[in-house]
Structure formats: structure tokens, C-alpha cells
PDB file of all heavy atoms in Angstrom:
ATOM      1  N   SER A   1     -40.362  -7.579 -47.725  1.00  0.00           N
ATOM      2  CA  SER A   1     -38.931  -7.889 -47.596  1.00  0.00           C
ATOM      3  C   SER A   1     -38.077  -6.632 -47.625  1.00  0.00           C
ATOM      4  O   SER A   1     -36.920  -6.642 -47.198  1.00  0.00           O
ATOM      5  CB  SER A   1     -38.487  -8.840 -48.711  1.00  0.00           C
ATOM      6  OG  SER A   1     -38.653  -8.237 -49.985  1.00  0.00           O
ATOM      7  N   GLY A   2     -38.639  -5.535 -48.109  1.00  0.00           N
ATOM      8  CA  GLY A   2     -37.876  -4.290 -48.171  1.00  0.00           C
ATOM      9  C   GLY A   2     -38.109  -3.379 -46.984  1.00  0.00           C
ATOM     10  O   GLY A   2     -37.679  -2.221 -47.005  1.00  0.00           O
ATOM     11  N   GLY A   3     -38.753  -3.893 -45.940  1.00  0.00           N
ATOM     12  CA  GLY A   3     -39.068  -3.069 -44.772  1.00  0.00           C
ATOM     13  C   GLY A   3     -37.856  -2.686 -43.948  1.00  0.00           C
ATOM     14  O   GLY A   3     -36.798  -3.324 -44.019  1.00  0.00           O
ATOM     15  N   THR A   4     -38.020  -1.630 -43.162  1.00  0.00           N
ATOM     16  CA  THR A   4     -36.934  -1.117 -42.316  1.00  0.00           C
ATOM     17  C   THR A   4     -37.199  -1.483 -40.853  1.00  0.00           C
ATOM     18  O   THR A   4     -38.265  -1.177 -40.315  1.00  0.00           O
ATOM     19  CB  THR A   4     -36.829   0.404 -42.450  1.00  0.00           C
ATOM     20  OG1 THR A   4     -36.564   0.738 -43.811  1.00  0.00           O
ATOM     21  CG2 THR A   4     -35.719   0.958 -41.559  1.00  0.00           C
ATOM     22  N   PHE A   5     -36.190  -2.114 -40.215  1.00  0.00           N
ATOM     23  CA  PHE A   5     -36.338  -2.567 -38.834  1.00  0.00           C
ATOM     24  C   PHE A   5     -35.050  -2.317 -38.047  1.00  0.00           C
ATOM     25  O   PHE A   5     -33.955  -2.407 -38.590  1.00  0.00           O
ATOM     26  CB  PHE A   5     -36.686  -4.063 -38.785  1.00  0.00           C
ATOM     27  CG  PHE A   5     -37.983  -4.386 -39.464  1.00  0.00           C
ATOM     28  CD1 PHE A   5     -38.009  -4.711 -40.810  1.00  0.00           C
ATOM     29  CD2 PHE A   5     -39.166  -4.329 -38.756  1.00  0.00           C
ATOM     30  CE1 PHE A   5     -39.213  -4.987 -41.450  1.00  0.00           C
ATOM     31  CE2 PHE A   5     -40.374  -4.597 -39.381  1.00  0.00           C
ATOM     32  CZ  PHE A   5     -40.404  -4.927 -40.732  1.00  0.00           C
ATOM     33  N   SER A   6     -35.222  -2.046 -36.764  1.00  0.00           N
ATOM     34  CA  SER A   6     -34.066  -1.822 -35.890  1.00  0.00           C
ATOM     35  C   SER A   6     -33.518  -3.130 -35.349  1.00  0.00           C
ATOM     36  O   SER A   6     -32.430  -3.157 -34.766  1.00  0.00           O
ATOM     37  CB  SER A   6     -34.466  -0.921 -34.717  1.00  0.00           C
ATOM     38  OG  SER A   6     -35.497  -1.525 -33.947  1.00  0.00           O
ATOM     39  N   ASN A   7     -34.289  -4.228 -35.497  1.00  0.00           N
ATOM     40  CA  ASN A   7     -33.912  -5.536 -34.944  1.00  0.00           C
ATOM     41  C   ASN A   7     -33.731  -5.485 -33.438  1.00  0.00           C
ATOM     42  O   ASN A   7     -32.943  -6.238 -32.861  1.00  0.00           O
ATOM     43  CB  ASN A   7     -32.657  -6.080 -35.628  1.00  0.00           C
ATOM     44  CG  ASN A   7     -32.889  -6.361 -37.100  1.00  0.00           C
ATOM     45  OD1 ASN A   7     -33.895  -6.951 -37.470  1.00  0.00           O
ATOM     46  ND2 ASN A   7     -31.976  -5.916 -37.947  1.00  0.00           N
ATOM     47  N   SER A   8     -34.452  -4.606 -32.811  1.00  0.00           N
ATOM     48  CA  SER A   8     -34.398  -4.462 -31.357  1.00  0.00           C
ATOM     49  C   SER A   8     -35.601  -3.649 -30.909  1.00  0.00           C
ATOM     50  O   SER A   8     -36.087  -2.783 -31.638  1.00  0.00           O
ATOM     51  CB  SER A   8     -33.111  -3.745 -30.936  1.00  0.00           C
ATOM     52  OG  SER A   8     -33.155  -3.396 -29.567  1.00  0.00           O
ATOM     53  N   PHE A   9     -36.066  -3.946 -29.681  1.00  0.00           N
ATOM     54  CA  PHE A   9     -37.121  -3.140 -29.080  1.00  0.00           C
ATOM     55  C   PHE A   9     -36.575  -2.222 -27.987  1.00  0.00           C
ATOM     56  O   PHE A   9     -37.344  -1.561 -27.299  1.00  0.00           O
ATOM     57  CB  PHE A   9     -38.218  -4.041 -28.505  1.00  0.00           C
ATOM     58  CG  PHE A   9     -39.009  -4.760 -29.548  1.00  0.00           C
ATOM     59  CD1 PHE A   9     -38.869  -6.131 -29.710  1.00  0.00           C
ATOM     60  CD2 PHE A   9     -39.887  -4.083 -30.369  1.00  0.00           C
ATOM     61  CE1 PHE A   9     -39.606  -6.806 -30.678  1.00  0.00           C
ATOM     62  CE2 PHE A   9     -40.629  -4.747 -31.343  1.00  0.00           C
ATOM     63  CZ  PHE A   9     -40.484  -6.112 -31.492  1.00  0.00           C
ATOM     64  N   VAL A  10     -35.260  -2.204 -27.813  1.00  0.00           N
ATOM     65  CA  VAL A  10     -34.674  -1.383 -26.758  1.00  0.00           C
ATOM     66  C   VAL A  10     -33.554  -0.466 -27.236  1.00  0.00           C
ATOM     67  O   VAL A  10     -33.095   0.394 -26.497  1.00  0.00           O
ATOM     68  CB  VAL A  10     -34.149  -2.261 -25.596  1.00  0.00           C
ATOM     69  CG1 VAL A  10     -35.284  -3.017 -24.940  1.00  0.00           C
ATOM     70  CG2 VAL A  10     -33.067  -3.234 -26.080  1.00  0.00           C
ATOM     71  N   ASP A  11     -33.093  -0.630 -28.469  1.00  0.00           N
ATOM     72  CA  ASP A  11     -31.936   0.116 -28.970  1.00  0.00           C
ATOM     73  C   ASP A  11     -32.364   1.502 -29.473  1.00  0.00           C
ATOM     74  O   ASP A  11     -32.741   1.679 -30.629  1.00  0.00           O
ATOM     75  CB  ASP A  11     -31.264  -0.668 -30.095  1.00  0.00           C
ATOM     76  CG  ASP A  11     -29.924  -0.082 -30.520  1.00  0.00           C
ATOM     77  OD1 ASP A  11     -29.660   1.104 -30.207  1.00  0.00           O
ATOM     78  OD2 ASP A  11     -29.146  -0.803 -31.175  1.00  0.00           O
ATOM     79  N   GLN A  12     -32.262   2.491 -28.598  1.00  0.00           N
ATOM     80  CA  GLN A  12     -32.690   3.838 -28.962  1.00  0.00           C
ATOM     81  C   GLN A  12     -31.754   4.485 -29.976  1.00  0.00           C
ATOM     82  O   GLN A  12     -32.183   5.290 -30.807  1.00  0.00           O
ATOM     83  CB  GLN A  12     -32.786   4.705 -27.710  1.00  0.00           C
ATOM     84  CG  GLN A  12     -33.879   4.252 -26.756  1.00  0.00           C
ATOM     85  CD  GLN A  12     -34.025   5.167 -25.557  1.00  0.00           C
ATOM     86  OE1 GLN A  12     -33.981   6.382 -25.694  1.00  0.00           O
ATOM     87  NE2 GLN A  12     -34.186   4.586 -24.383  1.00  0.00           N
ATOM     88  N   ALA A  13     -30.489   4.135 -29.925  1.00  0.00           N
ATOM     89  CA  ALA A  13     -29.537   4.694 -30.892  1.00  0.00           C
ATOM     90  C   ALA A  13     -29.900   4.252 -32.308  1.00  0.00           C
ATOM     91  O   ALA A  13     -29.866   5.047 -33.255  1.00  0.00           O
ATOM     92  CB  ALA A  13     -28.118   4.256 -30.542  1.00  0.00           C
ATOM     93  N   ALA A  14     -30.257   2.980 -32.450  1.00  0.00           N
ATOM     94  CA  ALA A  14     -30.673   2.484 -33.764  1.00  0.00           C
ATOM     95  C   ALA A  14     -31.958   3.167 -34.204  1.00  0.00           C
ATOM     96  O   ALA A  14     -32.104   3.537 -35.377  1.00  0.00           O
ATOM     97  CB  ALA A  14     -30.880   0.969 -33.712  1.00  0.00           C
ATOM     98  N   GLY A  15     -32.868   3.384 -33.253  1.00  0.00           N
ATOM     99  CA  GLY A  15     -34.119   4.060 -33.580  1.00  0.00           C
ATOM    100  C   GLY A  15     -33.901   5.483 -34.057  1.00  0.00           C
ATOM    101  O   GLY A  15     -34.551   5.946 -35.001  1.00  0.00           O
ATOM    102  N   ARG A  16     -32.984   6.155 -33.414  1.00  0.00           N
ATOM    103  CA  ARG A  16     -32.685   7.532 -33.835  1.00  0.00           C
ATOM    104  C   ARG A  16     -32.042   7.541 -35.223  1.00  0.00           C
ATOM    105  O   ARG A  16     -32.410   8.353 -36.080  1.00  0.00           O
ATOM    106  CB  ARG A  16     -31.759   8.212 -32.826  1.00  0.00           C
ATOM    107  CG  ARG A  16     -31.351   9.616 -33.258  1.00  0.00           C
ATOM    108  CD  ARG A  16     -30.655  10.386 -32.167  1.00  0.00           C
ATOM    109  NE  ARG A  16     -30.284  11.725 -32.621  1.00  0.00           N
ATOM    110  CZ  ARG A  16     -29.859  12.707 -31.831  1.00  0.00           C
ATOM    111  NH1 ARG A  16     -29.752  12.490 -30.529  1.00  0.00           N
ATOM    112  NH2 ARG A  16     -29.549  13.884 -32.329  1.00  0.00           N
ATOM    113  N   SER A  17     -31.103   6.630 -35.448  1.00  0.00           N
ATOM    114  CA  SER A  17     -30.401   6.585 -36.737  1.00  0.00           C
ATOM    115  C   SER A  17     -31.370   6.302 -37.883  1.00  0.00           C
ATOM    116  O   SER A  17     -31.317   6.958 -38.927  1.00  0.00           O
ATOM    117  CB  SER A  17     -29.316   5.507 -36.690  1.00  0.00           C
ATOM    118  OG  SER A  17     -28.679   5.385 -37.940  1.00  0.00           O
ATOM    119  N   ILE A  18     -32.262   5.333 -37.683  1.00  0.00           N
ATOM    120  CA  ILE A  18     -33.233   4.998 -38.727  1.00  0.00           C
ATOM    121  C   ILE A  18     -34.136   6.189 -39.012  1.00  0.00           C
ATOM    122  O   ILE A  18     -34.396   6.543 -40.176  1.00  0.00           O
ATOM    123  CB  ILE A  18     -34.079   3.782 -38.307  1.00  0.00           C
ATOM    124  CG1 ILE A  18     -33.232   2.513 -38.346  1.00  0.00           C
ATOM    125  CG2 ILE A  18     -35.305   3.629 -39.220  1.00  0.00           C
ATOM    126  CD1 ILE A  18     -33.916   1.292 -37.760  1.00  0.00           C
ATOM    127  N   THR A  19     -34.616   6.825 -37.967  1.00  0.00           N
ATOM    128  CA  THR A  19     -35.525   7.960 -38.131  1.00  0.00           C
ATOM    129  C   THR A  19     -34.842   9.115 -38.850  1.00  0.00           C
ATOM    130  O   THR A  19     -35.434   9.761 -39.737  1.00  0.00           O
ATOM    131  CB  THR A  19     -36.057   8.422 -36.773  1.00  0.00           C
ATOM    132  OG1 THR A  19     -36.676   7.301 -36.108  1.00  0.00           O
ATOM    133  CG2 THR A  19     -37.076   9.539 -36.930  1.00  0.00           C
ATOM    134  N   GLU A  20     -33.600   9.378 -38.487  1.00  0.00           N
ATOM    135  CA  GLU A  20     -32.862  10.456 -39.149  1.00  0.00           C
ATOM    136  C   GLU A  20     -32.625  10.133 -40.621  1.00  0.00           C
ATOM    137  O   GLU A  20     -32.655  11.036 -41.474  1.00  0.00           O
ATOM    138  CB  GLU A  20     -31.546  10.697 -38.422  1.00  0.00           C
ATOM    139  CG  GLU A  20     -31.742  11.356 -37.060  1.00  0.00           C
ATOM    140  CD  GLU A  20     -30.449  11.551 -36.280  1.00  0.00           C
ATOM    141  OE1 GLU A  20     -29.456  10.844 -36.596  1.00  0.00           O
ATOM    142  OE2 GLU A  20     -30.440  12.387 -35.367  1.00  0.00           O
ATOM    143  N   THR A  21     -32.414   8.845 -40.934  1.00  0.00           N
ATOM    144  CA  THR A  21     -32.245   8.449 -42.336  1.00  0.00           C
ATOM    145  C   THR A  21     -33.528   8.695 -43.122  1.00  0.00           C
ATOM    146  O   THR A  21     -33.498   9.239 -44.241  1.00  0.00           O
ATOM    147  CB  THR A  21     -31.847   6.969 -42.431  1.00  0.00           C
ATOM    148  OG1 THR A  21     -30.577   6.776 -41.808  1.00  0.00           O
ATOM    149  CG2 THR A  21     -31.757   6.528 -43.882  1.00  0.00           C
ATOM    150  N   LEU A  22     -34.670   8.313 -42.551  1.00  0.00           N
ATOM    151  CA  LEU A  22     -35.948   8.553 -43.223  1.00  0.00           C
ATOM    152  C   LEU A  22     -36.188  10.050 -43.412  1.00  0.00           C
ATOM    153  O   LEU A  22     -36.673  10.487 -44.462  1.00  0.00           O
ATOM    154  CB  LEU A  22     -37.098   7.932 -42.424  1.00  0.00           C
ATOM    155  CG  LEU A  22     -37.088   6.402 -42.290  1.00  0.00           C
ATOM    156  CD1 LEU A  22     -38.286   5.937 -41.464  1.00  0.00           C
ATOM    157  CD2 LEU A  22     -37.080   5.722 -43.657  1.00  0.00           C
ATOM    158  N   ALA A  23     -35.830  10.831 -42.402  1.00  0.00           N
ATOM    159  CA  ALA A  23     -36.000  12.290 -42.501  1.00  0.00           C
ATOM    160  C   ALA A  23     -35.107  12.859 -43.599  1.00  0.00           C
ATOM    161  O   ALA A  23     -35.515  13.767 -44.339  1.00  0.00           O
ATOM    162  CB  ALA A  23     -35.698  12.943 -41.162  1.00  0.00           C
ATOM    163  N   SER A  24     -33.899  12.331 -43.717  1.00  0.00           N
ATOM    164  CA  SER A  24     -32.981  12.824 -44.745  1.00  0.00           C
ATOM    165  C   SER A  24     -33.489  12.499 -46.157  1.00  0.00           C
ATOM    166  O   SER A  24     -33.112  13.148 -47.128  1.00  0.00           O
ATOM    167  CB  SER A  24     -31.583  12.220 -44.555  1.00  0.00           C
ATOM    168  OG  SER A  24     -31.557  10.845 -44.900  1.00  0.00           O
ATOM    169  N   GLN A  25     -34.379  11.519 -46.238  1.00  0.00           N
ATOM    170  CA  GLN A  25     -34.965  11.139 -47.520  1.00  0.00           C
ATOM    171  C   GLN A  25     -36.293  11.862 -47.781  1.00  0.00           C
ATOM    172  O   GLN A  25     -36.973  11.575 -48.756  1.00  0.00           O
ATOM    173  CB  GLN A  25     -35.182   9.626 -47.552  1.00  0.00           C
ATOM    174  CG  GLN A  25     -33.870   8.835 -47.503  1.00  0.00           C
ATOM    175  CD  GLN A  25     -34.084   7.344 -47.309  1.00  0.00           C
ATOM    176  OE1 GLN A  25     -35.196   6.888 -47.071  1.00  0.00           O
ATOM    177  NE2 GLN A  25     -33.009   6.576 -47.407  1.00  0.00           N
ATOM    178  N   GLY A  26     -36.638  12.775 -46.879  1.00  0.00           N
ATOM    179  CA  GLY A  26     -37.802  13.622 -47.098  1.00  0.00           C
ATOM    180  C   GLY A  26     -38.972  13.428 -46.170  1.00  0.00           C
ATOM    181  O   GLY A  26     -39.931  14.222 -46.189  1.00  0.00           O
ATOM    182  N   ALA A  27     -38.955  12.396 -45.327  1.00  0.00           N
ATOM    183  CA  ALA A  27     -40.085  12.161 -44.422  1.00  0.00           C
ATOM    184  C   ALA A  27     -40.141  13.229 -43.338  1.00  0.00           C
ATOM    185  O   ALA A  27     -39.133  13.501 -42.680  1.00  0.00           O
ATOM    186  CB  ALA A  27     -39.980  10.784 -43.789  1.00  0.00           C
ATOM    187  N   ASP A  28     -41.303  13.840 -43.167  1.00  0.00           N
ATOM    188  CA  ASP A  28     -41.456  14.814 -42.078  1.00  0.00           C
ATOM    189  C   ASP A  28     -42.402  14.309 -40.997  1.00  0.00           C
ATOM    190  O   ASP A  28     -42.606  14.970 -39.982  1.00  0.00           O
ATOM    191  CB  ASP A  28     -41.928  16.174 -42.611  1.00  0.00           C
ATOM    192  CG  ASP A  28     -43.282  16.120 -43.286  1.00  0.00           C
ATOM    193  OD1 ASP A  28     -43.774  15.009 -43.597  1.00  0.00           O
ATOM    194  OD2 ASP A  28     -43.863  17.204 -43.518  1.00  0.00           O
ATOM    195  N   ILE A  29     -42.970  13.117 -41.181  1.00  0.00           N
ATOM    196  CA  ILE A  29     -43.763  12.444 -40.152  1.00  0.00           C
ATOM    197  C   ILE A  29     -43.371  10.974 -40.175  1.00  0.00           C
ATOM    198  O   ILE A  29     -43.363  10.338 -41.236  1.00  0.00           O
ATOM    199  CB  ILE A  29     -45.280  12.582 -40.414  1.00  0.00           C
ATOM    200  CG1 ILE A  29     -45.693  14.049 -40.409  1.00  0.00           C
ATOM    201  CG2 ILE A  29     -46.075  11.807 -39.359  1.00  0.00           C
ATOM    202  CD1 ILE A  29     -47.139  14.281 -40.834  1.00  0.00           C
ATOM    203  N   VAL A  30     -43.029  10.413 -39.013  1.00  0.00           N
ATOM    204  CA  VAL A  30     -42.577   9.022 -38.922  1.00  0.00           C
ATOM    205  C   VAL A  30     -43.332   8.313 -37.802  1.00  0.00           C
ATOM    206  O   VAL A  30     -43.551   8.888 -36.728  1.00  0.00           O
ATOM    207  CB  VAL A  30     -41.057   8.949 -38.659  1.00  0.00           C
ATOM    208  CG1 VAL A  30     -40.622   7.511 -38.368  1.00  0.00           C
ATOM    209  CG2 VAL A  30     -40.278   9.503 -39.855  1.00  0.00           C
ATOM    210  N   MET A  31     -43.722   7.067 -38.036  1.00  0.00           N
ATOM    211  CA  MET A  31     -44.362   6.246 -37.014  1.00  0.00           C
ATOM    212  C   MET A  31     -43.460   5.060 -36.678  1.00  0.00           C
ATOM    213  O   MET A  31     -43.390   4.092 -37.426  1.00  0.00           O
ATOM    214  CB  MET A  31     -45.727   5.729 -37.485  1.00  0.00           C
ATOM    215  CG  MET A  31     -46.475   4.971 -36.388  1.00  0.00           C
ATOM    216  SD  MET A  31     -48.103   4.326 -36.916  1.00  0.00           S
ATOM    217  CE  MET A  31     -47.585   2.831 -37.799  1.00  0.00           C
ATOM    218  N   PRO A  32     -42.735   5.107 -35.538  1.00  0.00           N
ATOM    219  CA  PRO A  32     -41.934   3.957 -35.117  1.00  0.00           C
ATOM    220  C   PRO A  32     -42.830   2.934 -34.427  1.00  0.00           C
ATOM    221  O   PRO A  32     -43.731   3.293 -33.664  1.00  0.00           O
ATOM    222  CB  PRO A  32     -40.934   4.574 -34.129  1.00  0.00           C
ATOM    223  CG  PRO A  32     -41.666   5.747 -33.551  1.00  0.00           C
ATOM    224  CD  PRO A  32     -42.569   6.264 -34.642  1.00  0.00           C
ATOM    225  N   VAL A  33     -42.589   1.656 -34.689  1.00  0.00           N
ATOM    226  CA  VAL A  33     -43.356   0.573 -34.055  1.00  0.00           C
ATOM    227  C   VAL A  33     -42.342  -0.343 -33.393  1.00  0.00           C
ATOM    228  O   VAL A  33     -42.065  -1.439 -33.843  1.00  0.00           O
ATOM    229  CB  VAL A  33     -44.195  -0.195 -35.096  1.00  0.00           C
ATOM    230  CG1 VAL A  33     -45.165  -1.149 -34.389  1.00  0.00           C
ATOM    231  CG2 VAL A  33     -44.964   0.765 -36.001  1.00  0.00           C
ATOM    232  N   ALA A  34     -41.740   0.128 -32.312  1.00  0.00           N
ATOM    233  CA  ALA A  34     -40.551  -0.570 -31.808  1.00  0.00           C
ATOM    234  C   ALA A  34     -40.316  -0.397 -30.315  1.00  0.00           C
ATOM    235  O   ALA A  34     -39.191  -0.464 -29.861  1.00  0.00           O
ATOM    236  CB  ALA A  34     -39.321  -0.093 -32.573  1.00  0.00           C
ATOM    237  N   GLY A  35     -41.375  -0.176 -29.533  1.00  0.00           N
ATOM    238  CA  GLY A  35     -41.176  -0.051 -28.104  1.00  0.00           C
ATOM    239  C   GLY A  35     -40.206   1.059 -27.759  1.00  0.00           C
ATOM    240  O   GLY A  35     -40.273   2.153 -28.317  1.00  0.00           O
ATOM    241  N   GLN A  36     -39.276   0.757 -26.870  1.00  0.00           N
ATOM    242  CA  GLN A  36     -38.355   1.796 -26.413  1.00  0.00           C
ATOM    243  C   GLN A  36     -37.375   2.230 -27.503  1.00  0.00           C
ATOM    244  O   GLN A  36     -36.855   3.345 -27.450  1.00  0.00           O
ATOM    245  CB  GLN A  36     -37.585   1.336 -25.174  1.00  0.00           C
ATOM    246  CG  GLN A  36     -36.870   2.490 -24.487  1.00  0.00           C
ATOM    247  CD  GLN A  36     -36.300   2.131 -23.144  1.00  0.00           C
ATOM    248  OE1 GLN A  36     -36.399   0.995 -22.714  1.00  0.00           O
ATOM    249  NE2 GLN A  36     -35.701   3.092 -22.478  1.00  0.00           N
ATOM    250  N   SER A  37     -37.142   1.386 -28.489  1.00  0.00           N
ATOM    251  CA  SER A  37     -36.317   1.835 -29.614  1.00  0.00           C
ATOM    252  C   SER A  37     -36.940   3.065 -30.256  1.00  0.00           C
ATOM    253  O   SER A  37     -36.246   3.932 -30.785  1.00  0.00           O
ATOM    254  CB  SER A  37     -36.188   0.732 -30.670  1.00  0.00           C
ATOM    255  OG  SER A  37     -35.396  -0.333 -30.209  1.00  0.00           O
ATOM    256  N   GLY A  38     -38.269   3.137 -30.194  1.00  0.00           N
ATOM    257  CA  GLY A  38     -38.971   4.276 -30.765  1.00  0.00           C
ATOM    258  C   GLY A  38     -38.655   5.587 -30.077  1.00  0.00           C
ATOM    259  O   GLY A  38     -38.841   6.661 -30.672  1.00  0.00           O
ATOM    260  N   LEU A  39     -38.162   5.516 -28.839  1.00  0.00           N
ATOM    261  CA  LEU A  39     -37.772   6.750 -28.159  1.00  0.00           C
ATOM    262  C   LEU A  39     -36.621   7.432 -28.885  1.00  0.00           C
ATOM    263  O   LEU A  39     -36.437   8.643 -28.778  1.00  0.00           O
ATOM    264  CB  LEU A  39     -37.390   6.465 -26.699  1.00  0.00           C
ATOM    265  CG  LEU A  39     -38.533   5.984 -25.799  1.00  0.00           C
ATOM    266  CD1 LEU A  39     -38.001   5.652 -24.409  1.00  0.00           C
ATOM    267  CD2 LEU A  39     -39.646   7.028 -25.714  1.00  0.00           C
ATOM    268  N   GLY A  40     -35.850   6.643 -29.639  1.00  0.00           N
ATOM    269  CA  GLY A  40     -34.802   7.231 -30.461  1.00  0.00           C
ATOM    270  C   GLY A  40     -35.378   8.141 -31.524  1.00  0.00           C
ATOM    271  O   GLY A  40     -34.753   9.130 -31.927  1.00  0.00           O
ATOM    272  N   ALA A  41     -36.601   7.818 -31.994  1.00  0.00           N
ATOM    273  CA  ALA A  41     -37.272   8.695 -32.952  1.00  0.00           C
ATOM    274  C   ALA A  41     -37.621  10.020 -32.291  1.00  0.00           C
ATOM    275  O   ALA A  41     -37.567  11.080 -32.926  1.00  0.00           O
ATOM    276  CB  ALA A  41     -38.534   8.017 -33.489  1.00  0.00           C
TER     277      ALA A  41
END
């Protein structure tokens, strides 16, 4: 229930925002599972 999702498989802006948030929290490797939304990563 605490997972992070873009709620879209095409929203690249949301994908970029989520990835940047994870990076700001210290993540230096991220695996997006979101189709084209993952291109935002």
C-alpha cells in the first residue's frame, strides 16, 4: 500500500518527477516499471 506509482503508462513528466524524488532521497539506481512513463526516468 505504500508503493510509488505514476498512475499512467504514458506520462513521462510524472515518471521524471517520481525518479527525481527518489534520487533526492538518496537513490542512485532506479528501476521504472511503467512503459513510456519510464522514459521520464
